[in-house]
Amino acid sequence: MSGISLQQMIDESSRIVFFGGAGVSTESGIPDFRSADGLYNQKYRYPPEAIISHSFYMRDREEFYRFYKERMIFPEAEPNAAHLKLAELERAGKLSCVITQNIDGLHTSAGSERVVELHGSVHRNFCESCGRAYPLSYIMESDGVPKCTCGGYIKPDVVLYEEQLKDEDITRAVDEISAADMLIIGGTSLAVYPAAGLIRYFRGRYLVIINKAPTGADESADLVIAESIGKVMEAIEVNNG
């Protein structure tokens, strides 16, 4: 451990990358998947991980969308202190990229412009037949399975189980992490691959982990903070780099 504070590390860095997971959004009222009261520990007709798989989507779009609308879309959620601070760090020229495993779009809502959404976004939806784009509001207002004006099914631009991450997103994430002088990992257990494996490309000066529970990368970190990420990030003072 380096013995210096998070504030000092941020002050000394000019190309920070933030790699985040579900814990960033739970403070906006969006449940995660793996905690004691997360989606994976609730009871449904089918296991949640089965419902949000590609094969299930192709087999039973009706049930997929019932679960998806009820349990994976939170249009009323607002950015929290962590989202807002990261956007502020970007505007100050300190943060070069946010890489997120979340699909809620809250980083963009908070004002961040340099965002890699590894698992996609509920705000992007496309017709499987003609490719026409639809907003989240169209999905929410549709009865049953949303359909395009051409008659085709509309699929959310989110990465389901059995689907691969987009090559361009992986490439950009690797490039950003490789070039970073500081990597902040927040709100993730680092249990989901291949996304979690991207952090091995970091060669910079400071590695910080902010997560309430231990992660597999704690021993490699310069600083580990087991605290609410919103509380930690809100306390950061942003100075132009």
C-alpha atoms as a PDB file:
ATOM      1  CA  MET A   1       0.000   0.000   0.000  1.00  0.00           C
ATOM      2  CA  SER A   2       1.206   3.463  -0.871  1.00  0.00           C
ATOM      3  CA  GLY A   3       0.026   5.235   2.295  1.00  0.00           C
ATOM      4  CA  ILE A   4      -1.335   8.299   0.480  1.00  0.00           C
ATOM      5  CA  SER A   5      -4.961   9.332   0.218  1.00  0.00           C
ATOM      6  CA  LEU A   6      -7.379   8.968  -2.650  1.00  0.00           C
ATOM      7  CA  GLN A   7      -7.470  12.752  -2.964  1.00  0.00           C
ATOM      8  CA  GLN A   8      -3.683  12.893  -3.345  1.00  0.00           C
ATOM      9  CA  MET A   9      -3.708  10.158  -5.962  1.00  0.00           C
ATOM     10  CA  ILE A  10      -6.345  11.967  -7.995  1.00  0.00           C
ATOM     11  CA  ASP A  11      -4.483  15.282  -7.665  1.00  0.00           C
ATOM     12  CA  GLU A  12      -1.310  13.636  -8.983  1.00  0.00           C
ATOM     13  CA  SER A  13      -3.044  11.926 -11.922  1.00  0.00           C
ATOM     14  CA  SER A  14      -4.081  13.333 -15.278  1.00  0.00           C
ATOM     15  CA  ARG A  15      -5.464  10.320 -17.131  1.00  0.00           C
ATOM     16  CA  ILE A  16      -7.837   8.545 -14.765  1.00  0.00           C
ATOM     17  CA  VAL A  17     -10.062   5.676 -15.866  1.00  0.00           C
ATOM     18  CA  PHE A  18     -13.029   4.540 -13.807  1.00  0.00           C
ATOM     19  CA  PHE A  19     -14.158   0.924 -14.106  1.00  0.00           C
ATOM     20  CA  GLY A  20     -17.526   0.399 -12.446  1.00  0.00           C
ATOM     21  CA  GLY A  21     -20.238  -2.126 -11.767  1.00  0.00           C
ATOM     22  CA  ALA A  22     -23.649  -2.560 -10.165  1.00  0.00           C
ATOM     23  CA  GLY A  23     -22.597  -1.009  -6.856  1.00  0.00           C
ATOM     24  CA  VAL A  24     -22.414   2.381  -8.552  1.00  0.00           C
ATOM     25  CA  SER A  25     -26.110   2.231  -9.433  1.00  0.00           C
ATOM     26  CA  THR A  26     -27.513   0.656  -6.272  1.00  0.00           C
ATOM     27  CA  GLU A  27     -27.274   4.067  -4.622  1.00  0.00           C
ATOM     28  CA  SER A  28     -29.679   5.302  -7.302  1.00  0.00           C
ATOM     29  CA  GLY A  29     -32.186   2.637  -6.266  1.00  0.00           C
ATOM     30  CA  ILE A  30     -31.291   0.063  -8.903  1.00  0.00           C
ATOM     31  CA  PRO A  31     -30.862  -3.439  -7.395  1.00  0.00           C
ATOM     32  CA  ASP A  32     -27.785  -5.466  -8.216  1.00  0.00           C
ATOM     33  CA  PHE A  33     -27.760  -9.136  -9.159  1.00  0.00           C
ATOM     34  CA  ARG A  34     -25.503 -10.869  -6.674  1.00  0.00           C
ATOM     35  CA  SER A  35     -26.125  -9.391  -3.228  1.00  0.00           C
ATOM     36  CA  ALA A  36     -28.304 -11.133  -0.636  1.00  0.00           C
ATOM     37  CA  ASP A  37     -31.402  -9.327  -1.916  1.00  0.00           C
ATOM     38  CA  GLY A  38     -30.271  -9.070  -5.529  1.00  0.00           C
ATOM     39  CA  LEU A  39     -32.061 -10.513  -8.541  1.00  0.00           C
ATOM     40  CA  TYR A  40     -30.205 -13.811  -8.430  1.00  0.00           C
ATOM     41  CA  ASN A  41     -31.515 -14.490  -4.933  1.00  0.00           C
ATOM     42  CA  GLN A  42     -35.171 -13.788  -5.687  1.00  0.00           C
ATOM     43  CA  LYS A  43     -37.654 -16.412  -6.866  1.00  0.00           C
ATOM     44  CA  TYR A  44     -39.072 -16.406 -10.360  1.00  0.00           C
ATOM     45  CA  ARG A  45     -40.638 -19.003 -12.634  1.00  0.00           C
ATOM     46  CA  TYR A  46     -37.235 -19.268 -14.306  1.00  0.00           C
ATOM     47  CA  PRO A  47     -33.814 -18.314 -12.901  1.00  0.00           C
ATOM     48  CA  PRO A  48     -33.010 -14.676 -13.810  1.00  0.00           C
ATOM     49  CA  GLU A  49     -29.725 -15.698 -15.443  1.00  0.00           C
ATOM     50  CA  ALA A  50     -31.692 -18.032 -17.718  1.00  0.00           C
ATOM     51  CA  ILE A  51     -34.294 -15.403 -18.643  1.00  0.00           C
ATOM     52  CA  ILE A  52     -31.668 -12.861 -19.687  1.00  0.00           C
ATOM     53  CA  SER A  53     -29.855 -15.291 -21.957  1.00  0.00           C
ATOM     54  CA  HIS A  54     -29.842 -15.157 -25.735  1.00  0.00           C
ATOM     55  CA  SER A  55     -31.388 -18.598 -26.110  1.00  0.00           C
ATOM     56  CA  PHE A  56     -34.268 -17.746 -23.742  1.00  0.00           C
ATOM     57  CA  TYR A  57     -34.881 -14.466 -25.549  1.00  0.00           C
ATOM     58  CA  MET A  58     -35.128 -16.295 -28.866  1.00  0.00           C
ATOM     59  CA  ARG A  59     -37.415 -18.968 -27.370  1.00  0.00           C
ATOM     60  CA  ASP A  60     -39.790 -16.872 -25.245  1.00  0.00           C
ATOM     61  CA  ARG A  61     -39.691 -13.148 -25.968  1.00  0.00           C
ATOM     62  CA  GLU A  62     -42.952 -12.619 -24.077  1.00  0.00           C
ATOM     63  CA  GLU A  63     -41.542 -13.910 -20.770  1.00  0.00           C
ATOM     64  CA  PHE A  64     -38.208 -12.203 -21.414  1.00  0.00           C
ATOM     65  CA  TYR A  65     -39.851  -8.807 -21.807  1.00  0.00           C
ATOM     66  CA  ARG A  66     -42.105  -9.325 -18.795  1.00  0.00           C
ATOM     67  CA  PHE A  67     -39.047  -9.850 -16.607  1.00  0.00           C
ATOM     68  CA  TYR A  68     -36.980  -7.203 -18.414  1.00  0.00           C
ATOM     69  CA  LYS A  69     -39.583  -4.464 -17.966  1.00  0.00           C
ATOM     70  CA  GLU A  70     -40.332  -5.366 -14.354  1.00  0.00           C
ATOM     71  CA  ARG A  71     -36.816  -5.997 -13.062  1.00  0.00           C
ATOM     72  CA  MET A  72     -34.185  -4.467 -15.333  1.00  0.00           C
ATOM     73  CA  ILE A  73     -35.530  -1.085 -16.391  1.00  0.00           C
ATOM     74  CA  PHE A  74     -35.656   1.791 -13.911  1.00  0.00           C
ATOM     75  CA  PRO A  75     -36.566   4.933 -15.890  1.00  0.00           C
ATOM     76  CA  GLU A  76     -37.152   6.922 -12.701  1.00  0.00           C
ATOM     77  CA  ALA A  77     -33.588   6.381 -11.425  1.00  0.00           C
ATOM     78  CA  GLU A  78     -31.407   9.487 -11.169  1.00  0.00           C
ATOM     79  CA  PRO A  79     -27.595   9.814 -11.156  1.00  0.00           C
ATOM     80  CA  ASN A  80     -26.106   9.741  -7.664  1.00  0.00           C
ATOM     81  CA  ALA A  81     -23.056  11.439  -6.150  1.00  0.00           C
ATOM     82  CA  ALA A  82     -20.633   8.988  -7.772  1.00  0.00           C
ATOM     83  CA  HIS A  83     -22.010   9.544 -11.292  1.00  0.00           C
ATOM     84  CA  LEU A  84     -21.970  13.313 -10.816  1.00  0.00           C
ATOM     85  CA  LYS A  85     -18.425  13.429  -9.444  1.00  0.00           C
ATOM     86  CA  LEU A  86     -17.087  11.338 -12.308  1.00  0.00           C
ATOM     87  CA  ALA A  87     -18.695  13.715 -14.807  1.00  0.00           C
ATOM     88  CA  GLU A  88     -17.099  16.622 -12.939  1.00  0.00           C
ATOM     89  CA  LEU A  89     -13.685  14.933 -13.092  1.00  0.00           C
ATOM     90  CA  GLU A  90     -14.104  14.486 -16.845  1.00  0.00           C
ATOM     91  CA  ARG A  91     -14.999  18.145 -17.354  1.00  0.00           C
ATOM     92  CA  ALA A  92     -11.910  19.104 -15.350  1.00  0.00           C
ATOM     93  CA  GLY A  93      -9.708  17.083 -17.692  1.00  0.00           C
ATOM     94  CA  LYS A  94      -8.758  14.545 -15.023  1.00  0.00           C
ATOM     95  CA  LEU A  95     -10.876  11.568 -16.099  1.00  0.00           C
ATOM     96  CA  SER A  96     -10.327  10.154 -19.571  1.00  0.00           C
ATOM     97  CA  CYS A  97     -12.990   7.441 -19.575  1.00  0.00           C
ATOM     98  CA  VAL A  98     -15.721   5.658 -17.636  1.00  0.00           C
ATOM     99  CA  ILE A  99     -15.975   1.957 -18.372  1.00  0.00           C
ATOM    100  CA  THR A 100     -19.186   0.526 -16.967  1.00  0.00           C
ATOM    101  CA  GLN A 101     -20.830  -2.865 -16.749  1.00  0.00           C
ATOM    102  CA  ASN A 102     -24.191  -1.189 -16.057  1.00  0.00           C
ATOM    103  CA  ILE A 103     -26.928  -0.816 -18.655  1.00  0.00           C
ATOM    104  CA  ASP A 104     -28.896   2.021 -17.026  1.00  0.00           C
ATOM    105  CA  GLY A 105     -27.273   4.953 -18.849  1.00  0.00           C
ATOM    106  CA  LEU A 106     -26.842   6.965 -15.638  1.00  0.00           C
ATOM    107  CA  HIS A 107     -23.251   7.993 -16.395  1.00  0.00           C
ATOM    108  CA  THR A 108     -24.445   9.668 -19.586  1.00  0.00           C
ATOM    109  CA  SER A 109     -27.398  11.225 -17.753  1.00  0.00           C
ATOM    110  CA  ALA A 110     -24.943  12.687 -15.238  1.00  0.00           C
ATOM    111  CA  GLY A 111     -23.008  14.407 -18.025  1.00  0.00           C
ATOM    112  CA  SER A 112     -20.157  12.005 -18.754  1.00  0.00           C
ATOM    113  CA  GLU A 113     -19.345  11.919 -22.465  1.00  0.00           C
ATOM    114  CA  ARG A 114     -16.457   9.453 -22.592  1.00  0.00           C
ATOM    115  CA  VAL A 115     -18.299   6.285 -21.579  1.00  0.00           C
ATOM    116  CA  VAL A 116     -17.831   2.676 -22.657  1.00  0.00           C
ATOM    117  CA  GLU A 117     -20.960   0.666 -21.855  1.00  0.00           C
ATOM    118  CA  LEU A 118     -19.578  -2.865 -21.986  1.00  0.00           C
ATOM    119  CA  HIS A 119     -22.966  -4.529 -21.535  1.00  0.00           C
ATOM    120  CA  GLY A 120     -24.958  -2.059 -23.613  1.00  0.00           C
ATOM    121  CA  SER A 121     -27.771   0.279 -22.621  1.00  0.00           C
ATOM    122  CA  VAL A 122     -31.527   0.017 -22.080  1.00  0.00           C
ATOM    123  CA  HIS A 123     -31.814   3.350 -23.874  1.00  0.00           C
ATOM    124  CA  ARG A 124     -30.814   1.824 -27.230  1.00  0.00           C
ATOM    125  CA  ASN A 125     -33.192  -0.590 -28.928  1.00  0.00           C
ATOM    126  CA  PHE A 126     -33.171  -1.833 -32.509  1.00  0.00           C
ATOM    127  CA  CYS A 127     -35.472  -3.737 -34.831  1.00  0.00           C
ATOM    128  CA  GLU A 128     -34.022  -7.162 -35.563  1.00  0.00           C
ATOM    129  CA  SER A 129     -35.333  -6.994 -39.147  1.00  0.00           C
ATOM    130  CA  CYS A 130     -34.701  -3.470 -40.434  1.00  0.00           C
ATOM    131  CA  GLY A 131     -32.401  -1.988 -37.771  1.00  0.00           C
ATOM    132  CA  ARG A 132     -34.610   0.977 -36.922  1.00  0.00           C
ATOM    133  CA  ALA A 133     -33.761   2.538 -33.554  1.00  0.00           C
ATOM    134  CA  TYR A 134     -36.298   3.015 -30.762  1.00  0.00           C
ATOM    135  CA  PRO A 135     -36.074   4.889 -27.437  1.00  0.00           C
ATOM    136  CA  LEU A 136     -36.660   3.322 -24.044  1.00  0.00           C
ATOM    137  CA  SER A 137     -40.073   5.002 -23.821  1.00  0.00           C
ATOM    138  CA  TYR A 138     -41.293   2.950 -26.788  1.00  0.00           C
ATOM    139  CA  ILE A 139     -40.280  -0.267 -25.049  1.00  0.00           C
ATOM    140  CA  MET A 140     -41.975   0.753 -21.795  1.00  0.00           C
ATOM    141  CA  GLU A 141     -45.208   1.750 -23.525  1.00  0.00           C
ATOM    142  CA  SER A 142     -45.441  -1.376 -25.675  1.00  0.00           C
ATOM    143  CA  ASP A 143     -47.710  -4.235 -24.636  1.00  0.00           C
ATOM    144  CA  GLY A 144     -45.925  -7.564 -24.571  1.00  0.00           C
ATOM    145  CA  VAL A 145     -43.098  -7.855 -27.089  1.00  0.00           C
ATOM    146  CA  PRO A 146     -42.271  -4.500 -28.740  1.00  0.00           C
ATOM    147  CA  LYS A 147     -42.531  -4.579 -32.521  1.00  0.00           C
ATOM    148  CA  CYS A 148     -41.244  -2.286 -35.228  1.00  0.00           C
ATOM    149  CA  THR A 149     -43.488  -0.594 -37.763  1.00  0.00           C
ATOM    150  CA  CYS A 150     -42.067  -3.099 -40.257  1.00  0.00           C
ATOM    151  CA  GLY A 151     -43.372  -5.957 -38.120  1.00  0.00           C
ATOM    152  CA  GLY A 152     -39.992  -7.095 -36.822  1.00  0.00           C
ATOM    153  CA  TYR A 153     -39.156  -7.705 -33.179  1.00  0.00           C
ATOM    154  CA  ILE A 154     -37.305  -4.984 -31.273  1.00  0.00           C
ATOM    155  CA  LYS A 155     -34.352  -6.118 -29.155  1.00  0.00           C
ATOM    156  CA  PRO A 156     -32.642  -4.065 -26.449  1.00  0.00           C
ATOM    157  CA  ASP A 157     -29.020  -3.198 -27.177  1.00  0.00           C
ATOM    158  CA  VAL A 158     -27.863  -5.053 -24.069  1.00  0.00           C
ATOM    159  CA  VAL A 159     -25.460  -7.982 -23.933  1.00  0.00           C
ATOM    160  CA  LEU A 160     -27.345 -11.078 -22.824  1.00  0.00           C
ATOM    161  CA  TYR A 161     -25.790 -14.249 -21.476  1.00  0.00           C
ATOM    162  CA  GLU A 162     -24.362 -16.332 -24.357  1.00  0.00           C
ATOM    163  CA  GLU A 163     -23.696 -13.131 -26.316  1.00  0.00           C
ATOM    164  CA  GLN A 164     -20.250 -11.606 -26.777  1.00  0.00           C
ATOM    165  CA  LEU A 165     -19.196  -8.104 -25.864  1.00  0.00           C
ATOM    166  CA  LYS A 166     -18.760  -5.826 -28.868  1.00  0.00           C
ATOM    167  CA  ASP A 167     -15.234  -5.875 -30.256  1.00  0.00           C
ATOM    168  CA  GLU A 168     -15.112  -2.084 -30.504  1.00  0.00           C
ATOM    169  CA  ASP A 169     -16.044  -1.711 -26.826  1.00  0.00           C
ATOM    170  CA  ILE A 170     -13.388  -4.192 -25.710  1.00  0.00           C
ATOM    171  CA  THR A 171     -10.760  -2.493 -27.871  1.00  0.00           C
ATOM    172  CA  ARG A 172     -11.583   0.962 -26.547  1.00  0.00           C
ATOM    173  CA  ALA A 173     -11.632  -0.270 -22.940  1.00  0.00           C
ATOM    174  CA  VAL A 174      -8.233  -1.950 -23.337  1.00  0.00           C
ATOM    175  CA  ASP A 175      -6.785   1.176 -24.963  1.00  0.00           C
ATOM    176  CA  GLU A 176      -8.116   3.468 -22.224  1.00  0.00           C
ATOM    177  CA  ILE A 177      -6.982   1.247 -19.350  1.00  0.00           C
ATOM    178  CA  SER A 178      -3.568   0.691 -20.918  1.00  0.00           C
ATOM    179  CA  ALA A 179      -3.008   4.452 -21.246  1.00  0.00           C
ATOM    180  CA  ALA A 180      -4.306   5.378 -17.778  1.00  0.00           C
ATOM    181  CA  ASP A 181      -2.037   6.629 -15.013  1.00  0.00           C
ATOM    182  CA  MET A 182      -4.731   5.836 -12.430  1.00  0.00           C
ATOM    183  CA  LEU A 183      -7.461   3.197 -12.414  1.00  0.00           C
ATOM    184  CA  ILE A 184     -10.359   3.446  -9.986  1.00  0.00           C
ATOM    185  CA  ILE A 185     -12.440   0.289  -9.698  1.00  0.00           C
ATOM    186  CA  GLY A 186     -15.764   0.938  -8.027  1.00  0.00           C
ATOM    187  CA  GLY A 187     -18.925  -0.926  -7.107  1.00  0.00           C
ATOM    188  CA  THR A 188     -17.969  -4.251  -8.634  1.00  0.00           C
ATOM    189  CA  SER A 189     -16.986  -7.637  -7.253  1.00  0.00           C
ATOM    190  CA  LEU A 190     -14.903  -8.261 -10.400  1.00  0.00           C
ATOM    191  CA  ALA A 191     -16.745 -11.567 -10.781  1.00  0.00           C
ATOM    192  CA  VAL A 192     -18.126 -11.057 -14.300  1.00  0.00           C
ATOM    193  CA  TYR A 193     -15.860 -12.023 -17.179  1.00  0.00           C
ATOM    194  CA  PRO A 194     -14.648 -11.094 -19.703  1.00  0.00           C
ATOM    195  CA  ALA A 195     -15.293  -7.544 -18.449  1.00  0.00           C
ATOM    196  CA  ALA A 196     -13.421  -8.004 -15.163  1.00  0.00           C
ATOM    197  CA  GLY A 197     -10.377  -9.342 -17.000  1.00  0.00           C
ATOM    198  CA  LEU A 198      -9.835  -5.970 -18.665  1.00  0.00           C
ATOM    199  CA  ILE A 199      -8.186  -4.521 -15.564  1.00  0.00           C
ATOM    200  CA  ARG A 200      -5.101  -6.661 -16.163  1.00  0.00           C
ATOM    201  CA  TYR A 201      -4.128  -4.205 -18.891  1.00  0.00           C
ATOM    202  CA  PHE A 202      -3.505  -1.457 -16.346  1.00  0.00           C
ATOM    203  CA  ARG A 203       0.164  -0.456 -16.071  1.00  0.00           C
ATOM    204  CA  GLY A 204      -0.253   2.952 -14.473  1.00  0.00           C
ATOM    205  CA  ARG A 205       0.760   4.398 -11.135  1.00  0.00           C
ATOM    206  CA  TYR A 206      -2.266   4.057  -8.858  1.00  0.00           C
ATOM    207  CA  LEU A 207      -4.836   1.266  -8.607  1.00  0.00           C
ATOM    208  CA  VAL A 208      -7.733   2.030  -6.257  1.00  0.00           C
ATOM    209  CA  ILE A 209     -10.668  -0.205  -5.339  1.00  0.00           C
ATOM    210  CA  ILE A 210     -13.827   1.222  -3.780  1.00  0.00           C
ATOM    211  CA  ASN A 211     -16.217  -1.596  -2.956  1.00  0.00           C
ATOM    212  CA  LYS A 212     -18.098  -2.623   0.174  1.00  0.00           C
ATOM    213  CA  ALA A 213     -17.103  -6.289  -0.209  1.00  0.00           C
ATOM    214  CA  PRO A 214     -13.633  -7.709  -0.920  1.00  0.00           C
ATOM    215  CA  THR A 215     -12.604  -8.325  -4.542  1.00  0.00           C
ATOM    216  CA  GLY A 216     -10.058 -10.584  -6.163  1.00  0.00           C
ATOM    217  CA  ALA A 217      -7.874  -7.581  -6.986  1.00  0.00           C
ATOM    218  CA  ASP A 218      -7.589  -6.137  -3.476  1.00  0.00           C
ATOM    219  CA  GLU A 219      -4.063  -7.455  -2.922  1.00  0.00           C
ATOM    220  CA  SER A 220      -2.844  -5.712  -6.067  1.00  0.00           C
ATOM    221  CA  ALA A 221      -4.368  -2.346  -5.197  1.00  0.00           C
ATOM    222  CA  ASP A 222      -2.544   0.674  -3.799  1.00  0.00           C
ATOM    223  CA  LEU A 223      -5.669   1.656  -1.878  1.00  0.00           C
ATOM    224  CA  VAL A 224      -8.780  -0.330  -0.916  1.00  0.00           C
ATOM    225  CA  ILE A 225     -11.808   1.514   0.485  1.00  0.00           C
ATOM    226  CA  ALA A 226     -14.683  -0.615   1.817  1.00  0.00           C
ATOM    227  CA  GLU A 227     -17.267   2.143   1.825  1.00  0.00           C
ATOM    228  CA  SER A 228     -20.220   3.568  -0.087  1.00  0.00           C
ATOM    229  CA  ILE A 229     -18.869   4.731  -3.437  1.00  0.00           C
ATOM    230  CA  GLY A 230     -21.170   7.749  -3.489  1.00  0.00           C
ATOM    231  CA  LYS A 231     -19.919   8.880  -0.105  1.00  0.00           C
ATOM    232  CA  VAL A 232     -16.276   8.386  -1.105  1.00  0.00           C
ATOM    233  CA  MET A 233     -16.556  10.142  -4.453  1.00  0.00           C
ATOM    234  CA  GLU A 234     -18.639  13.025  -3.119  1.00  0.00           C
ATOM    235  CA  ALA A 235     -15.796  13.948  -0.763  1.00  0.00           C
ATOM    236  CA  ILE A 236     -13.304  14.364  -3.627  1.00  0.00           C
ATOM    237  CA  GLU A 237     -12.327  17.932  -4.468  1.00  0.00           C
ATOM    238  CA  VAL A 238     -11.857  18.425  -8.178  1.00  0.00           C
ATOM    239  CA  ASN A 239      -8.953  20.574  -9.308  1.00  0.00           C
ATOM    240  CA  ASN A 240      -8.337  21.212 -12.979  1.00  0.00           C
ATOM    241  CA  GLY A 241      -5.483  19.041 -14.226  1.00  0.00           C
END
